[in-house]
């Protein structure tokens, strides 16, 4: 059972002194710190910390805004911590997920996140419906395929003359589209 700290400031010019002082108060044994925007999904020290923590550990942060900039991002991180059996303590918000009150606050965050997501999807559906009624929305159009070329490459691939990656490159298809088209080709009447 270790005391882990995570510190983040948004720019290289900001100092971490205030957050470090909080970590000293909590007697944190290991600190993961970085200077980069929370909007950046690729935060190496956050990833290192999430890989490092183990069941029974406690993660200390100055504020929940240090972990994630959006509710969804924050909740994803909290899900990882909870699945690993790690307690989260946030100094500013006075949240401790080891207490009933802390778990309650997190459940409110989760509910707000779900509400935010459902409202976004509803607005999206409404916008699409309006665009369709005005004849402006056609949906995603399928990628056209040169089936003759596809058939020739298919034969080369089946005879191990080319790899699937080479097949994809020559057809200029992404992996998911390639395999979808492959299933479509193989199910066509010959």
Protein backbone atom coordinates (compact mmCIF):
# COMPACT_ATOMS: atom_id res chain seq x y z
CA UNK A 1 0.00 0.00 0.00
CA UNK A 2 1.76 3.07 -1.30
CA UNK A 3 0.97 6.75 -1.28
CA UNK A 4 1.27 8.01 -4.87
CA UNK A 5 1.04 11.60 -6.05
CA UNK A 6 0.16 13.01 -9.46
CA UNK A 7 1.09 16.62 -10.25
CA UNK A 8 0.33 18.46 -13.47
CA UNK A 9 0.65 22.05 -14.59
CA UNK A 10 -0.51 23.21 -18.01
CA UNK A 11 2.64 24.93 -19.28
CA UNK A 12 6.41 24.75 -18.89
CA UNK A 13 6.36 28.20 -17.24
CA UNK A 14 4.09 27.19 -14.37
CA UNK A 15 5.57 25.96 -11.11
CA UNK A 16 4.59 22.81 -9.24
CA UNK A 17 5.59 24.11 -5.76
CA UNK A 18 2.03 24.43 -4.43
CA UNK A 19 1.11 20.90 -5.51
CA UNK A 20 4.41 19.51 -4.16
CA UNK A 21 3.65 21.09 -0.76
CA UNK A 22 0.30 19.26 -0.70
CA UNK A 23 2.06 16.00 -1.53
CA UNK A 24 4.41 16.55 1.44
CA UNK A 25 1.40 17.03 3.74
CA UNK A 26 0.05 13.66 2.60
CA UNK A 27 3.49 12.05 3.02
CA UNK A 28 3.45 10.83 -0.58
CA UNK A 29 6.17 8.27 -1.35
CA UNK A 30 6.26 8.55 -5.15
CA UNK A 31 5.28 11.50 -7.36
CA UNK A 32 4.49 11.51 -11.06
CA UNK A 33 4.70 15.06 -12.42
CA UNK A 34 4.34 16.65 -15.84
CA UNK A 35 4.03 20.03 -17.48
CA UNK A 36 1.48 19.79 -20.25
CA UNK A 37 -2.11 20.66 -20.97
CA UNK A 38 -4.75 18.34 -19.60
CA UNK A 39 -6.39 18.49 -23.02
CA UNK A 40 -3.47 16.48 -24.32
CA UNK A 41 -4.58 12.85 -24.28
CA UNK A 42 -0.97 11.67 -24.50
CA UNK A 43 0.34 12.42 -21.02
CA UNK A 44 3.26 10.06 -20.38
CA UNK A 45 3.47 10.54 -16.61
CA UNK A 46 -0.26 10.00 -16.21
CA UNK A 47 0.07 6.75 -18.16
CA UNK A 48 3.13 5.75 -16.10
CA UNK A 49 1.23 6.45 -12.89
CA UNK A 50 -1.81 4.44 -14.03
CA UNK A 51 0.50 1.54 -14.94
CA UNK A 52 2.35 1.82 -11.61
CA UNK A 53 -0.51 1.93 -9.09
CA UNK A 54 -1.65 -1.30 -7.49
CA UNK A 55 -4.53 -2.50 -5.36
CA UNK A 56 -4.45 -0.83 -1.95
CA UNK A 57 -2.52 2.23 -3.14
CA UNK A 58 -3.85 5.75 -2.62
CA UNK A 59 -3.47 8.40 -5.31
CA UNK A 60 -3.26 11.99 -4.08
CA UNK A 61 -4.01 14.97 -6.32
CA UNK A 62 -4.29 18.68 -5.63
CA UNK A 63 -7.53 18.94 -7.63
CA UNK A 64 -9.58 16.75 -9.94
CA UNK A 65 -8.79 19.22 -12.74
CA UNK A 66 -5.18 17.97 -12.53
CA UNK A 67 -6.30 14.47 -13.61
CA UNK A 68 -8.65 15.30 -16.47
CA UNK A 69 -9.91 18.37 -18.27
CA UNK A 70 -13.25 16.90 -19.33
CA UNK A 71 -15.72 14.97 -17.23
CA UNK A 72 -15.46 11.99 -19.57
CA UNK A 73 -11.64 11.96 -19.39
CA UNK A 74 -11.75 12.22 -15.60
CA UNK A 75 -14.30 9.43 -15.28
CA UNK A 76 -12.27 7.14 -17.55
CA UNK A 77 -9.23 7.68 -15.33
CA UNK A 78 -11.29 7.13 -12.19
CA UNK A 79 -12.67 3.90 -13.70
CA UNK A 80 -9.10 2.65 -14.21
CA UNK A 81 -8.21 3.54 -10.62
CA UNK A 82 -11.32 1.85 -9.23
CA UNK A 83 -10.79 -1.30 -11.32
CA UNK A 84 -7.28 -1.55 -9.85
CA UNK A 85 -8.55 -1.02 -6.29
CA UNK A 86 -6.83 2.37 -5.91
CA UNK A 87 -8.26 5.04 -3.60
CA UNK A 88 -8.37 8.61 -4.95
CA UNK A 89 -7.92 11.61 -2.65
CA UNK A 90 -8.38 15.15 -4.02
CA UNK A 91 -7.28 17.91 -1.67
CA UNK A 92 -9.19 20.86 -3.16
CA UNK A 93 -12.57 19.13 -3.47
CA UNK A 94 -12.07 17.13 -0.26
CA UNK A 95 -12.87 13.87 -2.07
CA UNK A 96 -11.73 10.53 -0.71
CA UNK A 97 -13.14 7.52 -2.59
CA UNK A 98 -12.51 5.40 0.50
CA UNK A 99 -15.46 7.17 2.17
CA UNK A 100 -19.18 6.97 1.36
CA UNK A 101 -19.21 10.73 0.70
CA UNK A 102 -16.34 10.44 -1.78
CA UNK A 103 -18.05 7.61 -3.66
CA UNK A 104 -21.28 9.64 -3.68
CA UNK A 105 -19.54 12.64 -5.25
CA UNK A 106 -18.07 10.37 -7.94
CA UNK A 107 -21.50 8.93 -8.68
CA UNK A 108 -22.77 12.48 -9.22
CA UNK A 109 -19.88 13.11 -11.65
CA UNK A 110 -20.78 9.90 -13.48
CA UNK A 111 -24.44 10.91 -13.73
CA UNK A 112 -23.51 14.36 -15.05
CA UNK A 113 -21.19 12.80 -17.60
CA UNK A 114 -23.91 10.46 -18.82
CA UNK A 115 -26.37 13.35 -19.04
CA UNK A 116 -23.82 15.42 -21.01
CA UNK A 117 -23.24 12.54 -23.43
CA UNK A 118 -26.96 11.86 -23.96
CA UNK A 119 -27.67 15.56 -24.57
CA UNK A 120 -24.85 15.72 -27.12
CA UNK A 121 -26.23 12.66 -28.94
CA UNK A 122 -29.75 14.09 -28.85
CA UNK A 123 -28.58 17.42 -30.34
CA UNK A 124 -26.69 15.46 -32.99
CA UNK A 125 -29.79 13.41 -33.90
CA UNK A 126 -31.92 16.57 -34.04
CA UNK A 127 -29.38 18.30 -36.28
CA UNK A 128 -29.24 15.31 -38.64
CA UNK A 129 -33.06 15.16 -38.79
CA UNK A 130 -33.22 18.85 -39.72
CA UNK A 131 -30.46 18.47 -42.32
CA UNK A 132 -32.23 15.43 -43.81
CA UNK A 133 -35.55 17.30 -44.02
CA UNK A 134 -33.73 20.06 -45.92
CA UNK A 135 -32.02 17.55 -48.20
CA UNK A 136 -28.56 18.52 -46.92
CA UNK A 137 -27.61 15.28 -45.19
CA UNK A 138 -26.86 12.12 -47.07
CA UNK A 139 -24.87 10.26 -44.40
CA UNK A 140 -21.48 8.71 -44.97
CA UNK A 141 -21.07 7.55 -48.53
CA UNK A 142 -19.44 4.15 -49.01
CA UNK A 143 -15.94 4.09 -50.45
CA UNK A 144 -16.11 2.98 -54.06
CA UNK A 145 -14.11 -0.14 -54.85
CA UNK A 146 -12.53 -1.30 -58.08
CA UNK A 147 -13.74 -4.89 -57.71
CA UNK A 148 -11.65 -6.12 -60.66
CA UNK A 149 -8.44 -4.85 -59.03
CA UNK A 150 -9.67 -6.14 -55.67
CA UNK A 151 -10.24 -9.60 -57.19
CA UNK A 152 -6.75 -9.68 -58.72
CA UNK A 153 -5.14 -8.66 -55.42
CA UNK A 154 -7.35 -11.12 -53.57
CA UNK A 155 -5.94 -13.98 -55.64
CA UNK A 156 -2.37 -12.78 -54.98
CA UNK A 157 -3.11 -12.56 -51.27
CA UNK A 158 -4.73 -16.01 -51.14
CA UNK A 159 -1.68 -17.51 -52.85
CA UNK A 160 0.60 -15.76 -50.31
CA UNK A 161 2.19 -13.63 -53.05
CA UNK A 162 1.33 -10.46 -51.06
CA UNK A 163 0.49 -9.75 -47.42
CA UNK A 164 -2.81 -8.33 -46.15
CA UNK A 165 -0.95 -5.08 -45.38
CA UNK A 166 0.29 -4.88 -48.97
CA UNK A 167 -3.23 -5.66 -50.21
CA UNK A 168 -4.60 -2.78 -48.07
CA UNK A 169 -1.94 -0.37 -49.32
CA UNK A 170 -2.56 -1.18 -52.97
CA UNK A 171 -6.31 -0.72 -52.49
CA UNK A 172 -5.73 2.38 -50.34
CA UNK A 173 -8.03 1.05 -47.62
CA UNK A 174 -7.83 1.28 -43.87
CA UNK A 175 -7.81 -1.99 -41.95
CA UNK A 176 -11.49 -2.00 -40.88
CA UNK A 177 -12.70 -1.06 -44.35
CA UNK A 178 -10.40 -3.65 -45.92
CA UNK A 179 -11.77 -6.51 -43.83
CA UNK A 180 -15.35 -5.34 -44.32
CA UNK A 181 -14.81 -5.30 -48.10
CA UNK A 182 -13.05 -8.67 -47.89
CA UNK A 183 -16.12 -10.23 -46.25
CA UNK A 184 -18.31 -8.57 -48.84
CA UNK A 185 -16.14 -9.91 -51.68
CA UNK A 186 -16.03 -13.44 -50.29
CA UNK A 187 -19.82 -13.56 -49.84
CA UNK A 188 -20.51 -12.42 -53.44
CA UNK A 189 -21.88 -15.08 -55.79
CA UNK A 190 -19.07 -16.33 -58.02
